[in-house]
């Protein structure tokens, strides 16, 4: 199936850049306190309202 090949290619490309991307953004929230506060508020609202998930959690095919 064409979709399976596309998914495999997408996963491989993400895996290729994952470590360098993590290095680039690792301390980003330490440098942006307003974004950290916004994300904390958002997470608290999701938790208290019982809603979620809020991230891409699509199952692997």
C-alpha atoms as a PDB file:
ATOM      1  CA  UNK A   1       0.000   0.000   0.000  1.00  0.00           C
ATOM      2  CA  UNK A   2       1.289   3.472  -0.877  1.00  0.00           C
ATOM      3  CA  UNK A   3       0.354   4.913   2.536  1.00  0.00           C
ATOM      4  CA  UNK A   4       2.601   2.453   4.353  1.00  0.00           C
ATOM      5  CA  UNK A   5       5.618   3.551   2.310  1.00  0.00           C
ATOM      6  CA  UNK A   6       4.838   7.200   2.960  1.00  0.00           C
ATOM      7  CA  UNK A   7       4.525   6.565   6.694  1.00  0.00           C
ATOM      8  CA  UNK A   8       7.804   4.673   6.768  1.00  0.00           C
ATOM      9  CA  UNK A   9       9.550   7.478   4.881  1.00  0.00           C
ATOM     10  CA  UNK A  10       8.072  10.095   7.207  1.00  0.00           C
ATOM     11  CA  UNK A  11       9.138   8.184  10.314  1.00  0.00           C
ATOM     12  CA  UNK A  12      12.646   7.720   8.932  1.00  0.00           C
ATOM     13  CA  UNK A  13      12.992  11.436   8.176  1.00  0.00           C
ATOM     14  CA  UNK A  14      11.812  12.384  11.675  1.00  0.00           C
ATOM     15  CA  UNK A  15      14.205   9.870  13.214  1.00  0.00           C
ATOM     16  CA  UNK A  16      17.047  11.377  11.183  1.00  0.00           C
ATOM     17  CA  UNK A  17      16.632  14.859  12.650  1.00  0.00           C
ATOM     18  CA  UNK A  18      15.221  14.007  16.101  1.00  0.00           C
ATOM     19  CA  UNK A  19      18.458  14.283  18.082  1.00  0.00           C
ATOM     20  CA  UNK A  20      19.601  17.555  16.508  1.00  0.00           C
ATOM     21  CA  UNK A  21      16.112  19.050  16.883  1.00  0.00           C
ATOM     22  CA  UNK A  22      16.033  18.057  20.559  1.00  0.00           C
ATOM     23  CA  UNK A  23      19.418  19.738  21.049  1.00  0.00           C
ATOM     24  CA  UNK A  24      18.126  22.944  19.431  1.00  0.00           C
ATOM     25  CA  UNK A  25      14.963  23.222  21.514  1.00  0.00           C
ATOM     26  CA  UNK A  26      16.045  21.589  24.778  1.00  0.00           C
ATOM     27  CA  UNK A  27      16.398  24.852  26.724  1.00  0.00           C
ATOM     28  CA  UNK A  28      13.906  26.902  24.724  1.00  0.00           C
ATOM     29  CA  UNK A  29      11.310  27.182  27.494  1.00  0.00           C
ATOM     30  CA  UNK A  30      14.001  28.368  29.918  1.00  0.00           C
ATOM     31  CA  UNK A  31      14.577  31.284  27.534  1.00  0.00           C
ATOM     32  CA  UNK A  32      10.865  32.055  27.030  1.00  0.00           C
ATOM     33  CA  UNK A  33       9.127  32.294  30.414  1.00  0.00           C
ATOM     34  CA  UNK A  34       5.869  33.582  28.920  1.00  0.00           C
ATOM     35  CA  UNK A  35       5.570  30.535  26.695  1.00  0.00           C
ATOM     36  CA  UNK A  36       6.354  28.274  29.645  1.00  0.00           C
ATOM     37  CA  UNK A  37       3.587  29.962  31.665  1.00  0.00           C
ATOM     38  CA  UNK A  38       1.136  29.683  28.772  1.00  0.00           C
ATOM     39  CA  UNK A  39       1.878  25.976  28.312  1.00  0.00           C
ATOM     40  CA  UNK A  40       1.521  25.362  32.056  1.00  0.00           C
ATOM     41  CA  UNK A  41      -1.861  27.107  32.052  1.00  0.00           C
ATOM     42  CA  UNK A  42      -2.976  25.150  28.992  1.00  0.00           C
ATOM     43  CA  UNK A  43      -1.896  21.843  30.560  1.00  0.00           C
ATOM     44  CA  UNK A  44      -3.717  22.724  33.784  1.00  0.00           C
ATOM     45  CA  UNK A  45      -6.904  23.577  31.891  1.00  0.00           C
ATOM     46  CA  UNK A  46      -6.785  20.307  29.970  1.00  0.00           C
ATOM     47  CA  UNK A  47      -6.181  18.378  33.170  1.00  0.00           C
ATOM     48  CA  UNK A  48      -8.936  20.067  35.176  1.00  0.00           C
ATOM     49  CA  UNK A  49     -11.549  19.827  32.424  1.00  0.00           C
ATOM     50  CA  UNK A  50     -10.777  16.172  31.737  1.00  0.00           C
ATOM     51  CA  UNK A  51     -10.167  16.787  28.072  1.00  0.00           C
ATOM     52  CA  UNK A  52      -7.464  15.354  25.887  1.00  0.00           C
ATOM     53  CA  UNK A  53      -5.388  14.078  24.306  1.00  0.00           C
ATOM     54  CA  UNK A  54      -3.916  17.295  23.001  1.00  0.00           C
ATOM     55  CA  UNK A  55      -0.974  15.971  21.003  1.00  0.00           C
ATOM     56  CA  UNK A  56      -0.759  13.878  17.896  1.00  0.00           C
ATOM     57  CA  UNK A  57      -1.161  10.378  19.223  1.00  0.00           C
ATOM     58  CA  UNK A  58      -2.002   8.573  16.028  1.00  0.00           C
ATOM     59  CA  UNK A  59      -1.295   4.858  16.280  1.00  0.00           C
ATOM     60  CA  UNK A  60       1.537   3.344  14.304  1.00  0.00           C
ATOM     61  CA  UNK A  61       0.263   1.323  11.395  1.00  0.00           C
END
